[in-house]
Amino acid sequence: MAVKMTMCPPLADHVIERIKDLGIDVDATRDPEEAVASIRDADCFYGRISPEMLENAGKLRWIQATSAGLDGYFFPELRRSDATMTNLRGIYSDVIADHVFAFILMFARGMHVYHARKLQGLWEKGADVIHIGGKTLGVIGLGGIGLEVCKRGRAFGMRVVGVDPAPKDRPDYVEAIYDLAELKVMLGESDVVVVCVPHTGETEYMLGDDGQRAMKPGSILVNIGRGKVVDLESLNRHIESGHLYGAALDVYEEEPLPPDHALWKQQQVILTPHVAGISPEVQGRREDLIVENARRFSAGEPLLNVVDKVKGYVVDKNPD
């Protein structure tokens, strides 16, 4: 009997055809109520599954998430279910790491200052310059994105250290890996701190007021992980006081960032509207990963990017 996949929302037609070519029956809909009916006899599901869908799923064994981040996916019944969940980790790693270094280099060369003057028609020299070679880059979260950030830091001659909740082998481009209990040690020695962790109970407001106070005076904070890891009111205070030299954010506690938020007016804060993962390369990678997991599922092979549903992120390395 053929494997059945329910999709809500549907993938592009050409991707659906690639999955059908694997011998998988695909039922795609944009209507959540139709998905509730379809999922009753589905073996796998693509999309953001709801409690009602899961309750009606009679034989569901695999859920493919639509993104790498899983904010809003989990509810108690899903965590307890036997269905395997996979995400899209890895397809954005180099792209987001490039965005991180665009932020860092803007501060290093004073580009944010010169751009503001350009908009005023000012030919005026003089902005802080930071020589990043020899500076310490501290990366919180050494998953795919974090390790790509580390590689770029090392290529720029930075000393690279990291913090990660899961024990792992230390790559040669990372000088030291601290555990979470030593986070403040790393914060205190880092000239640039980059947040690359997902939002979990463990990471929520990891860089609240207390964490930001532990950062090295004059350092820079970059967040491309999840908004609720960094408290923005505290961040605004630490920028205004001069304790932090600057901050660059692509993710926020509330999105979009309210137009009256104080950070909009801070010259030493660079803001982008959750676009760090955008690249012409990403869509093809996304499609290939979903199709490959569909092939593996149909063939009874180990899936890629299996999520630990208790922790809320991928823990183990992918199979070869």
Protein backbone atom coordinates (compact mmCIF):
# COMPACT_ATOMS: atom_id res chain seq x y z
CA MET A 1 0.00 0.00 0.00
CA ALA A 2 1.38 3.42 -0.98
CA VAL A 3 2.61 5.90 1.58
CA LYS A 4 0.31 8.93 1.93
CA MET A 5 1.52 12.47 2.68
CA THR A 6 -0.86 15.27 3.67
CA MET A 7 0.37 18.81 3.05
CA CYS A 8 -1.03 21.99 4.58
CA PRO A 9 0.04 24.31 3.04
CA PRO A 10 0.97 22.70 -0.28
CA LEU A 11 4.48 22.76 -1.63
CA ALA A 12 5.01 23.97 -5.21
CA ASP A 13 3.59 21.74 -7.92
CA HIS A 14 7.00 20.66 -9.20
CA VAL A 15 8.02 19.56 -5.69
CA ILE A 16 4.79 17.60 -5.26
CA GLU A 17 5.54 15.85 -8.56
CA ARG A 18 9.02 14.94 -7.33
CA ILE A 19 7.48 13.39 -4.21
CA LYS A 20 4.85 11.54 -6.25
CA ASP A 21 7.64 10.13 -8.41
CA LEU A 22 8.84 8.34 -5.27
CA GLY A 23 5.56 6.41 -5.19
CA ILE A 24 4.04 8.57 -2.45
CA ASP A 25 0.41 9.70 -2.65
CA VAL A 26 0.15 13.42 -1.91
CA ASP A 27 -3.00 15.19 -0.70
CA ALA A 28 -2.30 18.93 -0.60
CA THR A 29 -4.62 21.62 0.74
CA ARG A 30 -4.56 25.14 2.13
CA ASP A 31 -7.65 24.50 4.26
CA PRO A 32 -6.84 23.26 7.80
CA GLU A 33 -10.28 21.61 8.06
CA GLU A 34 -9.59 19.62 4.90
CA ALA A 35 -6.21 18.65 6.37
CA VAL A 36 -7.96 17.31 9.49
CA ALA A 37 -9.96 14.96 7.27
CA SER A 38 -7.02 14.04 5.06
CA ILE A 39 -4.63 13.24 7.89
CA ARG A 40 -6.81 10.40 9.22
CA ASP A 41 -5.09 7.88 6.96
CA ALA A 42 -1.84 9.78 6.29
CA ASP A 43 1.55 8.31 7.10
CA CYS A 44 3.31 11.67 7.03
CA PHE A 45 2.51 15.36 7.14
CA TYR A 46 4.15 18.53 5.83
CA GLY A 47 3.22 21.78 7.56
CA ARG A 48 2.43 23.09 11.02
CA ILE A 49 0.31 20.43 12.65
CA SER A 50 -2.52 21.51 14.95
CA PRO A 51 -3.87 19.65 18.00
CA GLU A 52 -7.03 18.81 16.04
CA MET A 53 -5.01 17.38 13.15
CA LEU A 54 -2.89 15.27 15.48
CA GLU A 55 -5.96 14.01 17.34
CA ASN A 56 -7.46 12.82 14.05
CA ALA A 57 -4.26 11.24 12.75
CA GLY A 58 -4.72 7.48 12.76
CA LYS A 59 -1.28 6.29 11.71
CA LEU A 60 0.97 9.34 11.45
CA ARG A 61 4.67 8.50 11.71
CA TRP A 62 6.51 11.56 10.39
CA ILE A 63 5.98 15.34 10.51
CA GLN A 64 8.14 17.58 8.31
CA ALA A 65 8.25 21.15 9.64
CA THR A 66 8.27 24.07 7.21
CA SER A 67 11.26 25.83 8.77
CA ALA A 68 14.38 25.35 10.86
CA GLY A 69 13.00 27.26 13.84
CA LEU A 70 10.14 25.56 15.66
CA ASP A 71 8.57 28.38 17.68
CA GLY A 72 4.86 27.67 18.03
CA TYR A 73 5.04 24.09 16.78
CA PHE A 74 4.95 22.25 20.07
CA PHE A 75 1.99 21.40 22.25
CA PRO A 76 1.83 18.66 24.91
CA GLU A 77 0.18 16.00 22.75
CA LEU A 78 2.75 16.50 20.00
CA ARG A 79 5.67 16.15 22.41
CA ARG A 80 4.15 12.89 23.69
CA SER A 81 3.29 11.47 20.28
CA ASP A 82 5.24 8.70 18.57
CA ALA A 83 5.53 10.66 15.33
CA THR A 84 9.04 11.66 14.32
CA MET A 85 9.51 15.36 13.60
CA THR A 86 12.13 16.80 11.27
CA ASN A 87 13.01 20.40 10.44
CA LEU A 88 14.94 22.31 7.77
CA ARG A 89 18.15 22.83 9.72
CA GLY A 90 21.23 23.41 7.60
CA ILE A 91 19.77 25.08 4.53
CA TYR A 92 20.28 28.59 5.92
CA SER A 93 23.55 28.18 7.83
CA ASP A 94 26.03 29.86 5.48
CA VAL A 95 23.49 32.49 4.41
CA ILE A 96 22.76 33.60 7.97
CA ALA A 97 26.44 33.52 8.90
CA ASP A 98 27.11 35.94 6.03
CA HIS A 99 24.42 38.24 7.46
CA VAL A 100 26.14 38.09 10.86
CA PHE A 101 29.42 39.23 9.36
CA ALA A 102 27.71 41.97 7.39
CA PHE A 103 26.58 43.28 10.79
CA ILE A 104 30.02 42.88 12.36
CA LEU A 105 31.86 44.54 9.48
CA MET A 106 29.45 47.48 9.47
CA PHE A 107 30.44 48.20 13.06
CA ALA A 108 34.11 47.45 12.43
CA ARG A 109 34.38 50.04 9.65
CA GLY A 110 31.80 52.54 10.91
CA MET A 111 29.55 51.92 7.91
CA HIS A 112 26.39 52.57 9.92
CA VAL A 113 27.71 56.03 10.79
CA TYR A 114 28.75 56.90 7.25
CA HIS A 115 25.45 55.64 5.84
CA ALA A 116 23.52 57.92 8.21
CA ARG A 117 25.69 60.87 7.08
CA LYS A 118 25.18 59.97 3.43
CA LEU A 119 21.41 60.26 3.89
CA GLN A 120 22.01 63.79 5.20
CA GLY A 121 24.34 64.71 2.34
CA LEU A 122 27.29 65.04 4.74
CA TRP A 123 30.92 64.58 3.61
CA GLU A 124 32.35 64.10 7.07
CA LYS A 125 35.20 61.84 8.07
CA GLY A 126 35.55 60.28 11.49
CA ALA A 127 33.91 57.15 12.86
CA ASP A 128 35.07 54.48 15.28
CA VAL A 129 37.08 51.71 13.64
CA ILE A 130 37.41 48.27 15.23
CA HIS A 131 40.24 46.01 14.10
CA ILE A 132 38.51 42.64 14.41
CA GLY A 133 41.63 40.54 13.93
CA GLY A 134 42.64 39.32 17.38
CA LYS A 135 39.29 40.20 18.94
CA THR A 136 37.28 37.45 20.67
CA LEU A 137 34.12 36.19 19.00
CA GLY A 138 31.75 34.37 21.37
CA VAL A 139 29.05 32.26 19.74
CA ILE A 140 26.07 31.00 21.74
CA GLY A 141 24.80 27.82 20.09
CA LEU A 142 27.14 25.73 17.97
CA GLY A 143 24.67 24.17 15.58
CA GLY A 144 24.90 24.59 11.82
CA ILE A 145 24.58 28.39 11.86
CA GLY A 146 26.83 28.87 14.88
CA LEU A 147 29.64 26.81 13.39
CA GLU A 148 29.46 28.73 10.11
CA VAL A 149 29.77 31.96 12.13
CA CYS A 150 32.79 30.47 13.90
CA LYS A 151 34.45 29.59 10.59
CA ARG A 152 34.07 33.13 9.33
CA GLY A 153 35.36 34.57 12.57
CA ARG A 154 38.49 32.44 12.36
CA ALA A 155 38.99 33.45 8.71
CA PHE A 156 39.00 37.10 9.85
CA GLY A 157 41.68 36.32 12.41
CA MET A 158 39.41 36.40 15.44
CA ARG A 159 39.81 34.25 18.52
CA VAL A 160 36.68 32.08 18.52
CA VAL A 161 34.95 30.58 21.57
CA GLY A 162 31.48 29.16 22.03
CA VAL A 163 28.80 27.96 24.41
CA ASP A 164 26.58 24.99 23.66
CA PRO A 165 24.11 23.02 25.80
CA ALA A 166 25.06 19.70 24.18
CA PRO A 167 28.58 18.23 24.54
CA LYS A 168 30.33 18.03 21.18
CA ASP A 169 33.73 17.68 19.61
CA ARG A 170 35.64 20.95 19.33
CA PRO A 171 36.49 21.91 15.73
CA ASP A 172 40.00 23.26 15.19
CA TYR A 173 38.68 26.74 14.36
CA VAL A 174 37.09 27.07 17.83
CA GLU A 175 39.53 27.65 20.70
CA ALA A 176 37.19 26.67 23.54
CA ILE A 177 33.64 25.42 24.09
CA TYR A 178 31.99 26.26 27.41
CA ASP A 179 28.91 24.64 28.86
CA LEU A 180 25.87 26.71 29.79
CA ALA A 181 26.97 27.03 33.40
CA GLU A 182 30.00 28.96 32.12
CA LEU A 183 28.06 31.34 29.88
CA LYS A 184 29.02 34.42 31.89
CA VAL A 185 32.69 33.51 31.60
CA MET A 186 32.39 33.56 27.82
CA LEU A 187 30.31 36.74 27.84
CA GLY A 188 32.93 38.50 29.92
CA GLU A 189 35.76 37.74 27.51
CA SER A 190 33.99 38.25 24.17
CA ASP A 191 34.26 41.44 22.11
CA VAL A 192 31.41 40.27 19.89
CA VAL A 193 28.65 37.91 21.09
CA VAL A 194 26.47 36.19 18.49
CA VAL A 195 23.22 34.48 19.55
CA CYS A 196 22.46 31.39 17.43
CA VAL A 197 20.23 29.36 19.76
CA PRO A 198 16.55 28.47 19.31
CA HIS A 199 13.89 29.68 21.73
CA THR A 200 13.35 27.04 24.42
CA GLY A 201 12.62 27.11 28.13
CA GLU A 202 16.37 26.89 28.65
CA THR A 203 17.25 29.83 26.40
CA GLU A 204 14.36 32.25 27.06
CA TYR A 205 15.89 35.61 28.05
CA MET A 206 19.29 33.99 28.39
CA LEU A 207 20.52 37.50 27.60
CA GLY A 208 18.20 39.43 29.84
CA ASP A 209 19.49 42.25 32.01
CA ASP A 210 21.72 39.94 34.06
CA GLY A 211 23.27 38.31 31.01
CA GLN A 212 23.89 41.65 29.32
CA ARG A 213 25.54 43.03 32.45
CA ALA A 214 27.93 40.07 32.28
CA MET A 215 29.06 41.06 28.79
CA LYS A 216 32.43 42.70 28.32
CA PRO A 217 32.18 46.52 28.49
CA GLY A 218 32.25 47.98 25.00
CA SER A 219 31.24 44.73 23.31
CA ILE A 220 28.76 44.12 20.50
CA LEU A 221 25.68 41.87 20.64
CA VAL A 222 24.28 40.20 17.51
CA ASN A 223 21.04 38.19 17.57
CA ILE A 224 20.02 36.05 14.59
CA GLY A 225 18.67 33.21 16.77
CA ARG A 226 15.28 33.90 18.30
CA GLY A 227 13.82 37.13 19.62
CA LYS A 228 12.91 35.95 23.10
CA VAL A 229 16.51 35.10 23.94
CA VAL A 230 17.38 38.82 24.26
CA ASP A 231 15.47 41.33 26.40
CA LEU A 232 15.22 44.48 24.27
CA GLU A 233 14.37 46.94 27.03
CA SER A 234 17.53 45.90 28.86
CA LEU A 235 19.44 46.12 25.60
CA ASN A 236 18.31 49.68 25.03
CA ARG A 237 19.47 50.66 28.51
CA HIS A 238 22.88 49.05 28.06
CA ILE A 239 23.36 50.77 24.70
CA GLU A 240 22.37 54.15 26.16
CA SER A 241 24.66 53.73 29.15
CA GLY A 242 27.60 52.80 26.92
CA HIS A 243 28.09 49.43 28.59
CA LEU A 244 27.54 47.87 25.15
CA TYR A 245 29.12 49.49 22.10
CA GLY A 246 26.38 48.32 19.79
CA ALA A 247 23.87 45.68 18.80
CA ALA A 248 22.62 44.18 15.56
CA LEU A 249 19.30 42.33 15.45
CA ASP A 250 17.39 40.34 12.87
CA VAL A 251 14.89 38.77 15.31
CA TYR A 252 12.76 40.37 18.02
CA GLU A 253 10.51 39.60 20.98
CA GLU A 254 7.62 41.04 18.97
CA GLU A 255 7.61 41.10 15.18
CA PRO A 256 7.40 43.50 13.56
CA LEU A 257 9.25 45.65 16.08
CA PRO A 258 6.77 48.37 17.16
CA PRO A 259 7.43 51.66 15.33
CA ASP A 260 7.69 53.54 18.62
CA HIS A 261 10.34 51.22 20.08
CA ALA A 262 13.38 53.11 21.36
CA LEU A 263 15.84 50.93 19.43
CA TRP A 264 14.77 52.46 16.12
CA LYS A 265 16.44 55.72 17.13
CA GLN A 266 19.68 54.27 18.46
CA GLN A 267 22.55 54.99 16.07
CA GLN A 268 24.55 52.12 17.57
CA VAL A 269 21.83 49.57 16.80
CA ILE A 270 21.47 47.98 13.36
CA LEU A 271 18.09 46.40 12.62
CA THR A 272 16.96 44.12 9.80
CA PRO A 273 13.40 42.71 9.53
CA HIS A 274 14.00 38.94 9.99
CA VAL A 275 15.67 38.55 6.58
CA ALA A 276 18.98 36.88 7.49
CA GLY A 277 17.93 33.58 5.92
CA ILE A 278 16.97 35.00 2.53
CA SER A 279 19.04 33.91 -0.45
CA PRO A 280 18.35 32.72 -4.00
CA GLU A 281 20.07 29.47 -3.00
CA VAL A 282 17.74 28.58 -0.14
CA GLN A 283 14.58 27.54 -1.98
CA GLY A 284 16.32 24.81 -3.96
CA ARG A 285 18.00 23.48 -0.83
CA ARG A 286 14.66 23.48 0.97
CA GLU A 287 12.95 21.50 -1.76
CA ASP A 288 15.83 19.01 -2.04
CA LEU A 289 15.85 18.36 1.72
CA ILE A 290 12.09 17.73 1.88
CA VAL A 291 12.20 15.40 -1.14
CA GLU A 292 15.22 13.53 0.27
CA ASN A 293 13.43 13.00 3.58
CA ALA A 294 10.36 11.78 1.70
CA ARG A 295 12.57 9.31 -0.17
CA ARG A 296 14.16 8.14 3.08
CA PHE A 297 10.79 7.75 4.77
CA SER A 298 9.39 5.73 1.89
CA ALA A 299 12.50 3.53 1.84
CA GLY A 300 12.56 3.02 5.61
CA GLU A 301 15.89 4.84 5.98
CA PRO A 302 16.90 7.21 8.83
CA LEU A 303 15.54 10.72 8.35
CA LEU A 304 17.60 13.91 8.29
CA ASN A 305 17.26 16.60 10.99
CA VAL A 306 15.29 14.58 13.54
CA VAL A 307 14.09 16.91 16.30
CA ASP A 308 14.21 16.05 19.98
CA LYS A 309 10.62 17.01 20.77
CA VAL A 310 11.33 17.50 24.46
CA LYS A 311 14.28 19.86 23.92
CA GLY A 312 12.76 21.46 20.83
CA TYR A 313 15.71 21.21 18.46
CA VAL A 314 17.90 18.74 16.55
CA VAL A 315 20.38 17.05 18.89
CA ASP A 316 22.03 14.21 17.01
CA LYS A 317 24.19 14.33 13.90
CA ASN A 318 22.55 13.35 10.64
CA PRO A 319 23.15 9.83 9.32
CA ASP A 320 25.64 9.48 6.47
